[in-house]
C-alpha atoms as a PDB file:
ATOM      1  CA  MET A   1       0.000   0.000   0.000  1.00  0.00           C
ATOM      2  CA  ASN A   2       1.438   3.396  -0.921  1.00  0.00           C
ATOM      3  CA  ASP A   3       1.069   6.551   1.142  1.00  0.00           C
ATOM      4  CA  SER A   4      -1.595   8.080  -1.095  1.00  0.00           C
ATOM      5  CA  SER A   5      -3.909   5.083  -0.718  1.00  0.00           C
ATOM      6  CA  ARG A   6      -3.494   4.670   3.047  1.00  0.00           C
ATOM      7  CA  PRO A   7      -6.394   5.871   5.229  1.00  0.00           C
ATOM      8  CA  LEU A   8      -5.410   9.101   6.964  1.00  0.00           C
ATOM      9  CA  SER A   9      -6.925   7.907  10.236  1.00  0.00           C
ATOM     10  CA  GLN A  10      -4.701   4.818  10.432  1.00  0.00           C
ATOM     11  CA  THR A  11      -2.485   4.889  13.503  1.00  0.00           C
ATOM     12  CA  PRO A  12       1.194   4.409  12.607  1.00  0.00           C
ATOM     13  CA  VAL A  13       2.801   1.256  13.913  1.00  0.00           C
ATOM     14  CA  LEU A  14       5.972   3.117  14.904  1.00  0.00           C
ATOM     15  CA  GLU A  15       6.287   6.879  15.119  1.00  0.00           C
ATOM     16  CA  MET A  16       9.484   8.688  16.141  1.00  0.00           C
ATOM     17  CA  ARG A  17       9.858  12.439  16.392  1.00  0.00           C
ATOM     18  CA  GLY A  18      13.134  14.194  17.232  1.00  0.00           C
ATOM     19  CA  LEU A  19      14.547  10.998  18.704  1.00  0.00           C
ATOM     20  CA  THR A  20      18.079  10.719  20.027  1.00  0.00           C
ATOM     21  CA  VAL A  21      19.489   7.198  20.194  1.00  0.00           C
ATOM     22  CA  ALA A  22      22.333   6.481  22.598  1.00  0.00           C
ATOM     23  CA  SER A  23      24.803   3.594  22.694  1.00  0.00           C
ATOM     24  CA  MET A  24      23.744   0.726  24.946  1.00  0.00           C
ATOM     25  CA  LYS A  25      27.347  -0.001  25.979  1.00  0.00           C
ATOM     26  CA  THR A  26      28.257   3.659  26.476  1.00  0.00           C
ATOM     27  CA  PRO A  27      25.096   5.722  27.173  1.00  0.00           C
ATOM     28  CA  SER A  28      27.042   8.993  26.961  1.00  0.00           C
ATOM     29  CA  VAL A  29      27.771   8.290  23.282  1.00  0.00           C
ATOM     30  CA  THR A  30      25.107   9.375  20.778  1.00  0.00           C
ATOM     31  CA  VAL A  31      24.342   7.068  17.853  1.00  0.00           C
ATOM     32  CA  ALA A  32      21.797   9.250  16.049  1.00  0.00           C
ATOM     33  CA  THR A  33      20.004  12.541  16.655  1.00  0.00           C
ATOM     34  CA  GLY A  34      16.930  14.261  15.240  1.00  0.00           C
ATOM     35  CA  LEU A  35      15.483  10.938  14.136  1.00  0.00           C
ATOM     36  CA  ASN A  36      12.066  11.228  12.477  1.00  0.00           C
ATOM     37  CA  TRP A  37      10.471   8.039  11.191  1.00  0.00           C
ATOM     38  CA  THR A  38       6.999   6.636  10.598  1.00  0.00           C
ATOM     39  CA  VAL A  39       6.223   2.972   9.941  1.00  0.00           C
ATOM     40  CA  HIS A  40       2.736   1.974   8.792  1.00  0.00           C
ATOM     41  CA  ALA A  41       1.034  -1.394   9.083  1.00  0.00           C
ATOM     42  CA  GLY A  42       2.089  -3.899   6.447  1.00  0.00           C
ATOM     43  CA  GLU A  43       5.347  -2.188   5.489  1.00  0.00           C
ATOM     44  CA  PHE A  44       8.567  -4.166   5.206  1.00  0.00           C
ATOM     45  CA  TRP A  45      11.560  -1.976   6.063  1.00  0.00           C
ATOM     46  CA  VAL A  46      15.263  -2.685   5.790  1.00  0.00           C
ATOM     47  CA  VAL A  47      17.534  -0.262   7.647  1.00  0.00           C
ATOM     48  CA  GLY A  48      21.043  -0.334   6.216  1.00  0.00           C
ATOM     49  CA  ALA A  49      24.095   0.757   8.157  1.00  0.00           C
ATOM     50  CA  LEU A  50      27.798   0.086   7.858  1.00  0.00           C
ATOM     51  CA  GLN A  51      29.388  -1.912  10.666  1.00  0.00           C
ATOM     52  CA  HIS A  52      29.745  -0.062  13.969  1.00  0.00           C
ATOM     53  CA  SER A  53      27.213   2.582  12.929  1.00  0.00           C
ATOM     54  CA  GLY A  54      24.858   1.778  15.807  1.00  0.00           C
ATOM     55  CA  LYS A  55      22.137  -0.193  14.045  1.00  0.00           C
ATOM     56  CA  SER A  56      21.723  -2.574  16.990  1.00  0.00           C
ATOM     57  CA  ASP A  57      21.355   0.395  19.355  1.00  0.00           C
ATOM     58  CA  PHE A  58      18.798   1.882  16.995  1.00  0.00           C
ATOM     59  CA  LEU A  59      16.786  -1.339  16.830  1.00  0.00           C
ATOM     60  CA  MET A  60      16.990  -1.892  20.597  1.00  0.00           C
ATOM     61  CA  THR A  61      15.470   1.562  20.995  1.00  0.00           C
ATOM     62  CA  ALA A  62      12.810   0.865  18.369  1.00  0.00           C
ATOM     63  CA  GLY A  63      12.005  -2.357  20.211  1.00  0.00           C
ATOM     64  CA  GLY A  64      11.603  -0.601  23.538  1.00  0.00           C
ATOM     65  CA  ILE A  65      14.486  -2.545  25.071  1.00  0.00           C
ATOM     66  CA  MET A  66      16.351   0.667  25.827  1.00  0.00           C
ATOM     67  CA  SER A  67      15.032   4.195  26.269  1.00  0.00           C
ATOM     68  CA  PRO A  68      15.809   7.011  23.820  1.00  0.00           C
ATOM     69  CA  ALA A  69      17.999   9.791  25.168  1.00  0.00           C
ATOM     70  CA  ASP A  70      15.519  12.373  23.903  1.00  0.00           C
ATOM     71  CA  GLY A  71      12.449  12.780  21.716  1.00  0.00           C
ATOM     72  CA  GLU A  72       9.058  11.135  21.339  1.00  0.00           C
ATOM     73  CA  PHE A  73       8.406   7.531  20.361  1.00  0.00           C
ATOM     74  CA  LYS A  74       5.067   5.734  20.021  1.00  0.00           C
ATOM     75  CA  PHE A  75       4.191   2.130  19.240  1.00  0.00           C
ATOM     76  CA  LEU A  76       0.645   1.648  17.937  1.00  0.00           C
ATOM     77  CA  GLY A  77      -0.287   4.995  19.440  1.00  0.00           C
ATOM     78  CA  GLU A  78       1.158   4.389  22.924  1.00  0.00           C
ATOM     79  CA  ALA A  79       4.282   6.016  24.352  1.00  0.00           C
ATOM     80  CA  MET A  80       7.398   3.847  24.435  1.00  0.00           C
ATOM     81  CA  PRO A  81       9.336   2.276  26.007  1.00  0.00           C
ATOM     82  CA  ILE A  82       6.903   0.030  27.883  1.00  0.00           C
ATOM     83  CA  PHE A  83       8.242  -1.552  31.057  1.00  0.00           C
ATOM     84  CA  GLU A  84       5.114  -1.592  33.215  1.00  0.00           C
ATOM     85  CA  GLU A  85       3.508  -4.984  33.810  1.00  0.00           C
ATOM     86  CA  THR A  86       0.034  -3.473  33.319  1.00  0.00           C
ATOM     87  CA  ARG A  87       0.926  -2.519  29.721  1.00  0.00           C
ATOM     88  CA  MET A  88       2.699  -5.747  28.840  1.00  0.00           C
ATOM     89  CA  ALA A  89      -0.095  -6.991  26.569  1.00  0.00           C
ATOM     90  CA  HIS A  90       0.495  -3.991  24.314  1.00  0.00           C
ATOM     91  CA  ARG A  91       4.281  -4.491  24.382  1.00  0.00           C
ATOM     92  CA  LEU A  92       3.881  -8.123  23.326  1.00  0.00           C
ATOM     93  CA  LYS A  93       2.347  -7.042  20.034  1.00  0.00           C
ATOM     94  CA  MET A  94       5.986  -6.568  19.005  1.00  0.00           C
ATOM     95  CA  GLY A  95       8.396  -9.433  18.473  1.00  0.00           C
ATOM     96  CA  PHE A  96      12.188  -9.031  18.456  1.00  0.00           C
ATOM     97  CA  VAL A  97      14.815 -11.280  16.852  1.00  0.00           C
ATOM     98  CA  PHE A  98      18.279 -10.706  18.293  1.00  0.00           C
ATOM     99  CA  ASP A  99      21.462 -11.048  16.265  1.00  0.00           C
ATOM    100  CA  GLY A 100      22.538 -14.657  16.767  1.00  0.00           C
ATOM    101  CA  GLY A 101      19.283 -15.620  18.473  1.00  0.00           C
ATOM    102  CA  GLN A 102      20.461 -14.863  22.038  1.00  0.00           C
ATOM    103  CA  LEU A 103      19.148 -18.169  23.347  1.00  0.00           C
ATOM    104  CA  LEU A 104      19.440 -19.451  26.920  1.00  0.00           C
ATOM    105  CA  GLY A 105      22.224 -22.016  26.894  1.00  0.00           C
ATOM    106  CA  SER A 106      20.763 -24.211  29.636  1.00  0.00           C
ATOM    107  CA  LEU A 107      17.534 -24.819  27.689  1.00  0.00           C
ATOM    108  CA  THR A 108      16.918 -26.853  24.554  1.00  0.00           C
ATOM    109  CA  ILE A 109      15.869 -25.200  21.301  1.00  0.00           C
ATOM    110  CA  ALA A 110      12.262 -26.240  21.944  1.00  0.00           C
ATOM    111  CA  GLU A 111      12.364 -24.913  25.519  1.00  0.00           C
ATOM    112  CA  ASN A 112      13.763 -21.576  24.335  1.00  0.00           C
ATOM    113  CA  ILE A 113      10.914 -21.228  21.841  1.00  0.00           C
ATOM    114  CA  ALA A 114       8.376 -22.099  24.542  1.00  0.00           C
ATOM    115  CA  LEU A 115       9.542 -19.375  26.958  1.00  0.00           C
ATOM    116  CA  PRO A 116       7.186 -16.545  25.877  1.00  0.00           C
ATOM    117  CA  LEU A 117       4.270 -18.972  25.834  1.00  0.00           C
ATOM    118  CA  ARG A 118       5.036 -20.145  29.369  1.00  0.00           C
ATOM    119  CA  TYR A 119       5.317 -16.635  30.765  1.00  0.00           C
ATOM    120  CA  HIS A 120       2.895 -14.591  28.680  1.00  0.00           C
ATOM    121  CA  SER A 121       0.049 -16.891  27.646  1.00  0.00           C
ATOM    122  CA  LYS A 122      -2.684 -18.871  29.345  1.00  0.00           C
ATOM    123  CA  MET A 123      -2.048 -21.950  27.227  1.00  0.00           C
ATOM    124  CA  THR A 124      -2.018 -25.384  28.812  1.00  0.00           C
ATOM    125  CA  VAL A 125       1.117 -27.526  28.679  1.00  0.00           C
ATOM    126  CA  VAL A 126      -0.387 -29.534  25.815  1.00  0.00           C
ATOM    127  CA  GLU A 127      -1.284 -26.366  23.888  1.00  0.00           C
ATOM    128  CA  ILE A 128       2.235 -24.979  24.368  1.00  0.00           C
ATOM    129  CA  GLU A 129       3.778 -28.209  23.113  1.00  0.00           C
ATOM    130  CA  SER A 130       1.516 -28.095  20.050  1.00  0.00           C
ATOM    131  CA  ARG A 131       2.427 -24.475  19.305  1.00  0.00           C
ATOM    132  CA  VAL A 132       6.147 -25.168  19.706  1.00  0.00           C
ATOM    133  CA  THR A 133       5.882 -28.135  17.341  1.00  0.00           C
ATOM    134  CA  GLU A 134       4.181 -25.872  14.801  1.00  0.00           C
ATOM    135  CA  LEU A 135       6.961 -23.274  15.104  1.00  0.00           C
ATOM    136  CA  LEU A 136       9.702 -25.898  14.858  1.00  0.00           C
ATOM    137  CA  THR A 137       8.143 -27.261  11.694  1.00  0.00           C
ATOM    138  CA  ALA A 138       7.732 -23.838  10.090  1.00  0.00           C
ATOM    139  CA  THR A 139      11.398 -22.983  10.675  1.00  0.00           C
ATOM    140  CA  ASP A 140      12.778 -26.475   9.847  1.00  0.00           C
ATOM    141  CA  LEU A 141      14.143 -26.811  13.388  1.00  0.00           C
ATOM    142  CA  THR A 142      12.520 -30.129  14.320  1.00  0.00           C
ATOM    143  CA  PRO A 143      15.788 -32.159  14.073  1.00  0.00           C
ATOM    144  CA  TRP A 144      17.413 -29.831  16.651  1.00  0.00           C
ATOM    145  CA  ALA A 145      14.453 -29.461  19.007  1.00  0.00           C
ATOM    146  CA  ASN A 146      16.070 -31.334  21.901  1.00  0.00           C
ATOM    147  CA  ASN A 147      19.578 -29.912  21.451  1.00  0.00           C
ATOM    148  CA  THR A 148      20.966 -27.080  23.544  1.00  0.00           C
ATOM    149  CA  PRO A 149      22.190 -24.018  21.588  1.00  0.00           C
ATOM    150  CA  VAL A 150      25.878 -24.863  21.984  1.00  0.00           C
ATOM    151  CA  ASN A 151      25.263 -28.014  19.952  1.00  0.00           C
ATOM    152  CA  VAL A 152      23.512 -26.168  17.133  1.00  0.00           C
ATOM    153  CA  ALA A 153      25.124 -24.040  14.409  1.00  0.00           C
ATOM    154  CA  ARG A 154      24.670 -20.278  14.639  1.00  0.00           C
ATOM    155  CA  SER A 155      22.438 -20.227  11.555  1.00  0.00           C
ATOM    156  CA  TRP A 156      19.959 -22.532  13.298  1.00  0.00           C
ATOM    157  CA  GLN A 157      20.213 -20.582  16.552  1.00  0.00           C
ATOM    158  CA  GLN A 158      19.144 -17.543  14.548  1.00  0.00           C
ATOM    159  CA  ARG A 159      16.084 -19.424  13.319  1.00  0.00           C
ATOM    160  CA  ALA A 160      15.250 -20.461  16.877  1.00  0.00           C
ATOM    161  CA  GLY A 161      15.323 -16.783  17.847  1.00  0.00           C
ATOM    162  CA  LEU A 162      12.858 -16.121  15.038  1.00  0.00           C
ATOM    163  CA  ALA A 163      10.561 -18.960  16.135  1.00  0.00           C
ATOM    164  CA  ARG A 164      10.589 -17.634  19.713  1.00  0.00           C
ATOM    165  CA  ALA A 165       9.740 -14.122  18.519  1.00  0.00           C
ATOM    166  CA  LEU A 166       6.783 -15.466  16.532  1.00  0.00           C
ATOM    167  CA  ALA A 167       5.428 -17.638  19.339  1.00  0.00           C
ATOM    168  CA  LEU A 168       2.860 -15.083  20.521  1.00  0.00           C
ATOM    169  CA  SER A 169       1.864 -14.055  16.965  1.00  0.00           C
ATOM    170  CA  PRO A 170       3.004 -10.407  17.163  1.00  0.00           C
ATOM    171  CA  GLU A 171       1.761  -7.667  14.848  1.00  0.00           C
ATOM    172  CA  VAL A 172       5.248  -6.224  14.322  1.00  0.00           C
ATOM    173  CA  LEU A 173       8.573  -8.018  14.013  1.00  0.00           C
ATOM    174  CA  LEU A 174      11.972  -6.349  14.447  1.00  0.00           C
ATOM    175  CA  LEU A 175      15.064  -8.262  13.336  1.00  0.00           C
ATOM    176  CA  ASP A 176      18.630  -7.301  14.214  1.00  0.00           C
ATOM    177  CA  SER A 177      20.902  -8.209  11.278  1.00  0.00           C
ATOM    178  CA  PRO A 178      19.137 -11.514  10.508  1.00  0.00           C
ATOM    179  CA  LEU A 179      21.324 -12.328   7.485  1.00  0.00           C
ATOM    180  CA  THR A 180      24.693 -11.838   9.197  1.00  0.00           C
ATOM    181  CA  GLY A 181      26.960 -14.874   8.890  1.00  0.00           C
ATOM    182  CA  LEU A 182      24.531 -16.917   6.795  1.00  0.00           C
ATOM    183  CA  ASP A 183      25.441 -18.902   3.708  1.00  0.00           C
ATOM    184  CA  VAL A 184      23.446 -18.608   0.490  1.00  0.00           C
ATOM    185  CA  ARG A 185      21.035 -21.425   1.385  1.00  0.00           C
ATOM    186  CA  HIS A 186      20.057 -19.885   4.707  1.00  0.00           C
ATOM    187  CA  THR A 187      19.922 -16.368   3.259  1.00  0.00           C
ATOM    188  CA  VAL A 188      17.474 -17.492   0.583  1.00  0.00           C
ATOM    189  CA  TRP A 189      15.336 -19.201   3.227  1.00  0.00           C
ATOM    190  CA  TRP A 190      15.211 -16.104   5.451  1.00  0.00           C
ATOM    191  CA  LEU A 191      14.301 -13.739   2.645  1.00  0.00           C
ATOM    192  CA  GLY A 192      11.603 -16.095   1.423  1.00  0.00           C
ATOM    193  CA  PHE A 193      10.154 -16.695   4.879  1.00  0.00           C
ATOM    194  CA  LEU A 194      10.143 -13.000   5.789  1.00  0.00           C
ATOM    195  CA  GLY A 195       8.404 -12.290   2.494  1.00  0.00           C
ATOM    196  CA  GLU A 196       5.704 -14.791   3.447  1.00  0.00           C
ATOM    197  CA  LEU A 197       5.335 -13.194   6.877  1.00  0.00           C
ATOM    198  CA  SER A 198       4.924  -9.769   5.295  1.00  0.00           C
ATOM    199  CA  LYS A 199       2.070 -11.096   3.183  1.00  0.00           C
ATOM    200  CA  GLY A 200       0.488 -13.334   5.807  1.00  0.00           C
ATOM    201  CA  HIS A 201       1.775 -16.721   6.986  1.00  0.00           C
ATOM    202  CA  ARG A 202      -0.234 -19.436   8.713  1.00  0.00           C
ATOM    203  CA  ILE A 203       2.254 -19.466  11.616  1.00  0.00           C
ATOM    204  CA  VAL A 204       0.886 -16.058  12.684  1.00  0.00           C
ATOM    205  CA  GLY A 205      -2.716 -16.692  11.720  1.00  0.00           C
ATOM    206  CA  THR A 206      -2.287 -15.547   8.083  1.00  0.00           C
ATOM    207  CA  LYS A 207      -2.228 -11.878   9.106  1.00  0.00           C
ATOM    208  CA  ALA A 208       0.375  -9.730   7.392  1.00  0.00           C
ATOM    209  CA  LEU A 209       3.199  -8.676   9.693  1.00  0.00           C
ATOM    210  CA  THR A 210       4.931  -5.313   9.702  1.00  0.00           C
ATOM    211  CA  LEU A 211       8.673  -5.977   9.451  1.00  0.00           C
ATOM    212  CA  VAL A 212      11.788  -3.950  10.235  1.00  0.00           C
ATOM    213  CA  ALA A 213      15.213  -5.533   9.677  1.00  0.00           C
ATOM    214  CA  THR A 214      18.682  -4.052   9.981  1.00  0.00           C
ATOM    215  CA  ALA A 215      21.469  -4.998   7.580  1.00  0.00           C
ATOM    216  CA  ASP A 216      25.140  -4.401   6.751  1.00  0.00           C
ATOM    217  CA  GLY A 217      24.259  -4.424   3.063  1.00  0.00           C
ATOM    218  CA  LEU A 218      21.149  -3.674   1.047  1.00  0.00           C
ATOM    219  CA  ARG A 219      21.669  -5.731  -2.102  1.00  0.00           C
ATOM    220  CA  PRO A 220      20.067  -8.994  -0.818  1.00  0.00           C
ATOM    221  CA  TRP A 221      16.920  -7.090   0.195  1.00  0.00           C
ATOM    222  CA  ARG A 222      15.988  -5.856  -3.293  1.00  0.00           C
ATOM    223  CA  GLY A 223      12.690  -7.361  -4.308  1.00  0.00           C
ATOM    224  CA  HIS A 224      11.869  -8.243  -0.693  1.00  0.00           C
ATOM    225  CA  ALA A 225      11.726  -5.161   1.546  1.00  0.00           C
ATOM    226  CA  ASN A 226       9.510  -2.388   0.151  1.00  0.00           C
ATOM    227  CA  ARG A 227      10.856   0.452   2.295  1.00  0.00           C
ATOM    228  CA  VAL A 228      14.477   1.466   2.857  1.00  0.00           C
ATOM    229  CA  ALA A 229      16.243   3.606   5.432  1.00  0.00           C
ATOM    230  CA  CYS A 230      19.911   4.302   6.154  1.00  0.00           C
ATOM    231  CA  LEU A 231      21.791   5.069   9.365  1.00  0.00           C
ATOM    232  CA  SER A 232      25.017   6.956   8.691  1.00  0.00           C
ATOM    233  CA  GLY A 233      27.143   9.563  10.420  1.00  0.00           C
ATOM    234  CA  GLY A 234      24.718   9.971  13.309  1.00  0.00           C
ATOM    235  CA  LYS A 235      21.791  10.668  10.984  1.00  0.00           C
ATOM    236  CA  PHE A 236      18.817   8.516  10.048  1.00  0.00           C
ATOM    237  CA  LEU A 237      17.624   8.788   6.454  1.00  0.00           C
ATOM    238  CA  SER A 238      14.115   7.515   5.804  1.00  0.00           C
ATOM    239  CA  LEU A 239      14.322   7.024   2.042  1.00  0.00           C
ATOM    240  CA  GLY A 240      11.129   5.175   1.126  1.00  0.00           C
ATOM    241  CA  ASP A 241      11.022   2.961  -1.947  1.00  0.00           C
ATOM    242  CA  TRP A 242      13.905   1.610  -4.017  1.00  0.00           C
ATOM    243  CA  SER A 243      13.632   4.233  -6.753  1.00  0.00           C
ATOM    244  CA  THR A 244      14.488   6.906  -4.171  1.00  0.00           C
ATOM    245  CA  VAL A 245      17.404   4.808  -2.955  1.00  0.00           C
ATOM    246  CA  GLU A 246      18.855   4.413  -6.438  1.00  0.00           C
ATOM    247  CA  ASN A 247      18.697   8.167  -7.072  1.00  0.00           C
ATOM    248  CA  SER A 248      20.341   9.096  -3.768  1.00  0.00           C
ATOM    249  CA  GLN A 249      23.871  10.516  -3.781  1.00  0.00           C
ATOM    250  CA  GLU A 250      24.536   9.547  -0.159  1.00  0.00           C
ATOM    251  CA  SER A 251      28.000   7.930  -0.169  1.00  0.00           C
ATOM    252  CA  ALA A 252      27.284   5.482   2.664  1.00  0.00           C
ATOM    253  CA  LEU A 253      24.125   4.372   0.891  1.00  0.00           C
ATOM    254  CA  GLN A 254      25.991   3.704  -2.333  1.00  0.00           C
ATOM    255  CA  GLU A 255      28.428   1.528  -0.415  1.00  0.00           C
ATOM    256  CA  LEU A 256      25.558  -0.372   1.233  1.00  0.00           C
ATOM    257  CA  LEU A 257      24.066  -1.069  -2.187  1.00  0.00           C
ATOM    258  CA  GLN A 258      27.213  -2.935  -3.186  1.00  0.00           C
ATOM    259  CA  HIS A 259      26.891  -5.528  -0.388  1.00  0.00           C
END
């Protein structure tokens, strides 16, 4: 859906105004300032940034995991970040896939995927097991279900992080560098699966998800993401569609297009 055809009354999924993003490791260091960005339902964004440009800090802020240093940020019309238990149901409308999966090493792959269901749903044990089986099947993780993360390759750990993020059928999915370190086979799978999610996949009840992924390079995302942004030199550039990207003279963007 393009901007001209979108109902004016539709509440943006993410809305940032004058945001300042700080570094998680060093809060006194600013990653980006004056950040203005609007994400609407059903959009599929890729945010490109060269290494060490702060894209993880940016996505952690967008995901409400860390607070912005300044500015206004809303998620589905409500102020972020959300830490209060009474507002948790709203917060859980967003799923987050960490770089590398960030799984708990003492739990199996299946147990890691079950965590949000155990803590944030009223499902019975049998219902949780059924949902986990469904998620394992959708992500081709069934052979590794009973393995702990240390015994599973990083590419499969990344998929387990995705399955866990989808467990509660969120409306929005943020992904921190999901293609990093993947070979061609896994890259093709991820791009195809994310494309299905953006259109509506049975694993989330066939509803179309709004997606935001960060990336070190933009080339793999052509034909998949329909919105592009760039984080460079402490500034966030919300570029829009690919035709705008190709006409941009931003040097960092041109470098991102080569990878």
